[in-house]
Structures are given as structure tokens and as C-alpha cells.
Amino acid sequence: MSALFSIMMFWESIGIHNMLFFIAILMIWLFVFFITGDSYDMKDDILASMESK
């Protein structure tokens, strides 16, 4: 229970603006991660199709 209380105090000390900023960066990072991941998959598919010819 004390751990939960300390997390709540930490949350309050961070402030809502910093949390929104952190969440925004996290969302952007995930978006970039998925985009680059898809491009890497496409690259592998292209290489595989070239090798099969």
C-alpha cells in the first residue's frame, strides 16, 4: 500500500503536462517503430523475391 502511495505522490510531483508530454513521445516512438518494422519486413520480402528468381 505504501508503494502505491509513493507512486501517487511521484505522479503528482511529475505534473499532468509532463505526463502528457511523455505519453506523446511514447506514441510517436511506437508509431515510428511500427513504420520502420513494416519497411524492414518489406525489405526482407524484396530480397526473398530477388533470390527466388
N, C-alpha and C. Protein backbone atom coordinates (compact mmCIF):
# COMPACT_ATOMS: atom_id res chain seq x y z
N MET A 1 0.84 -1.21 0.00
CA MET A 1 0.00 0.00 0.00
C MET A 1 0.87 1.25 0.00
N SER A 2 1.98 1.20 0.74
CA SER A 2 2.88 2.36 0.79
C SER A 2 3.51 2.61 -0.58
N ALA A 3 3.76 1.52 -1.33
CA ALA A 3 4.34 1.67 -2.67
C ALA A 3 3.36 2.41 -3.58
N LEU A 4 2.08 2.06 -3.46
CA LEU A 4 1.05 2.71 -4.26
C LEU A 4 0.97 4.19 -3.92
N PHE A 5 1.07 4.51 -2.62
CA PHE A 5 1.02 5.90 -2.16
C PHE A 5 2.21 6.68 -2.71
N SER A 6 3.39 6.07 -2.70
CA SER A 6 4.59 6.75 -3.19
C SER A 6 4.49 6.99 -4.70
N ILE A 7 3.88 6.04 -5.41
CA ILE A 7 3.67 6.20 -6.86
C ILE A 7 2.73 7.38 -7.11
N MET A 8 1.66 7.48 -6.30
CA MET A 8 0.71 8.58 -6.43
C MET A 8 1.40 9.92 -6.17
N MET A 9 2.25 9.98 -5.14
CA MET A 9 2.99 11.21 -4.83
C MET A 9 3.93 11.56 -5.98
N PHE A 10 4.60 10.55 -6.54
CA PHE A 10 5.51 10.73 -7.67
C PHE A 10 4.74 11.27 -8.87
N TRP A 11 3.55 10.69 -9.11
CA TRP A 11 2.67 11.10 -10.21
C TRP A 11 2.30 12.58 -10.08
N GLU A 12 1.94 12.97 -8.85
CA GLU A 12 1.57 14.37 -8.59
C GLU A 12 2.75 15.30 -8.80
N SER A 13 3.95 14.88 -8.37
CA SER A 13 5.13 15.73 -8.49
C SER A 13 5.54 15.91 -9.96
N ILE A 14 5.29 14.89 -10.79
CA ILE A 14 5.61 14.99 -12.22
C ILE A 14 4.74 16.08 -12.85
N GLY A 15 3.46 16.04 -12.55
CA GLY A 15 2.54 17.00 -13.15
C GLY A 15 1.89 16.42 -14.39
N ILE A 16 0.69 16.87 -14.70
CA ILE A 16 -0.08 16.34 -15.82
C ILE A 16 0.55 16.69 -17.16
N HIS A 17 1.15 17.88 -17.28
CA HIS A 17 1.74 18.30 -18.55
C HIS A 17 2.91 17.40 -18.93
N ASN A 18 3.76 17.09 -17.96
CA ASN A 18 4.90 16.22 -18.23
C ASN A 18 4.44 14.82 -18.59
N MET A 19 3.36 14.35 -17.94
CA MET A 19 2.84 13.02 -18.26
C MET A 19 2.31 12.99 -19.69
N LEU A 20 1.58 14.04 -20.10
CA LEU A 20 1.05 14.12 -21.46
C LEU A 20 2.20 14.16 -22.46
N PHE A 21 3.26 14.90 -22.13
CA PHE A 21 4.44 15.00 -22.98
C PHE A 21 5.09 13.63 -23.14
N PHE A 22 5.22 12.91 -22.02
CA PHE A 22 5.82 11.57 -22.02
C PHE A 22 4.99 10.60 -22.85
N ILE A 23 3.66 10.66 -22.67
CA ILE A 23 2.75 9.78 -23.43
C ILE A 23 2.84 10.10 -24.92
N ALA A 24 2.92 11.39 -25.27
CA ALA A 24 3.02 11.80 -26.68
C ALA A 24 4.30 11.24 -27.30
N ILE A 25 5.42 11.33 -26.58
CA ILE A 25 6.70 10.81 -27.08
C ILE A 25 6.61 9.30 -27.24
N LEU A 26 5.96 8.63 -26.28
CA LEU A 26 5.81 7.18 -26.34
C LEU A 26 5.00 6.78 -27.57
N MET A 27 3.91 7.51 -27.85
CA MET A 27 3.07 7.22 -29.00
C MET A 27 3.85 7.41 -30.30
N ILE A 28 4.62 8.52 -30.39
CA ILE A 28 5.42 8.81 -31.58
C ILE A 28 6.45 7.70 -31.78
N TRP A 29 7.10 7.28 -30.67
CA TRP A 29 8.13 6.23 -30.74
C TRP A 29 7.53 4.93 -31.24
N LEU A 30 6.35 4.57 -30.72
CA LEU A 30 5.68 3.34 -31.16
C LEU A 30 5.30 3.43 -32.64
N PHE A 31 4.81 4.61 -33.06
CA PHE A 31 4.42 4.83 -34.45
C PHE A 31 5.63 4.63 -35.36
N VAL A 32 6.76 5.26 -35.02
CA VAL A 32 7.99 5.14 -35.80
C VAL A 32 8.47 3.69 -35.81
N PHE A 33 8.38 3.05 -34.64
CA PHE A 33 8.82 1.65 -34.50
C PHE A 33 8.03 0.74 -35.44
N PHE A 34 6.70 0.93 -35.50
CA PHE A 34 5.87 0.09 -36.37
C PHE A 34 6.14 0.40 -37.84
N ILE A 35 6.34 1.67 -38.19
CA ILE A 35 6.61 2.05 -39.58
C ILE A 35 7.93 1.43 -40.04
N THR A 36 8.98 1.57 -39.24
CA THR A 36 10.29 1.01 -39.61
C THR A 36 10.21 -0.51 -39.62
N GLY A 37 9.46 -1.09 -38.71
CA GLY A 37 9.31 -2.54 -38.67
C GLY A 37 8.66 -3.05 -39.95
N ASP A 38 7.63 -2.33 -40.44
CA ASP A 38 6.96 -2.71 -41.67
C ASP A 38 7.91 -2.60 -42.85
N SER A 39 8.71 -1.53 -42.90
CA SER A 39 9.64 -1.33 -44.02
C SER A 39 10.71 -2.42 -44.02
N TYR A 40 11.15 -2.84 -42.82
CA TYR A 40 12.13 -3.92 -42.74
C TYR A 40 11.53 -5.22 -43.28
N ASP A 41 10.27 -5.48 -42.95
CA ASP A 41 9.59 -6.69 -43.44
C ASP A 41 9.51 -6.66 -44.96
N MET A 42 9.19 -5.49 -45.53
CA MET A 42 9.10 -5.34 -46.97
C MET A 42 10.46 -5.58 -47.61
N LYS A 43 11.52 -5.08 -46.97
CA LYS A 43 12.88 -5.26 -47.47
C LYS A 43 13.21 -6.75 -47.55
N ASP A 44 12.84 -7.50 -46.51
CA ASP A 44 13.09 -8.94 -46.48
C ASP A 44 12.32 -9.63 -47.61
N ASP A 45 11.08 -9.20 -47.84
CA ASP A 45 10.26 -9.80 -48.89
C ASP A 45 10.89 -9.54 -50.26
N ILE A 46 11.40 -8.32 -50.47
CA ILE A 46 12.02 -7.96 -51.75
C ILE A 46 13.27 -8.82 -51.98
N LEU A 47 14.09 -8.95 -50.93
CA LEU A 47 15.30 -9.77 -51.03
C LEU A 47 14.95 -11.22 -51.34
N ALA A 48 13.92 -11.74 -50.69
CA ALA A 48 13.50 -13.12 -50.89
C ALA A 48 13.01 -13.33 -52.33
N SER A 49 12.26 -12.38 -52.87
CA SER A 49 11.74 -12.50 -54.23
C SER A 49 12.87 -12.40 -55.25
N MET A 50 13.90 -11.59 -54.96
CA MET A 50 15.05 -11.47 -55.86
C MET A 50 15.85 -12.77 -55.89
N GLU A 51 16.01 -13.39 -54.72
CA GLU A 51 16.78 -14.63 -54.64
C GLU A 51 16.07 -15.78 -55.34
N SER A 52 14.74 -15.79 -55.31
CA SER A 52 13.97 -16.90 -55.89
C SER A 52 14.00 -16.86 -57.42
N LYS A 53 14.24 -15.67 -58.00
CA LYS A 53 14.24 -15.55 -59.47
C LYS A 53 15.49 -16.17 -60.09
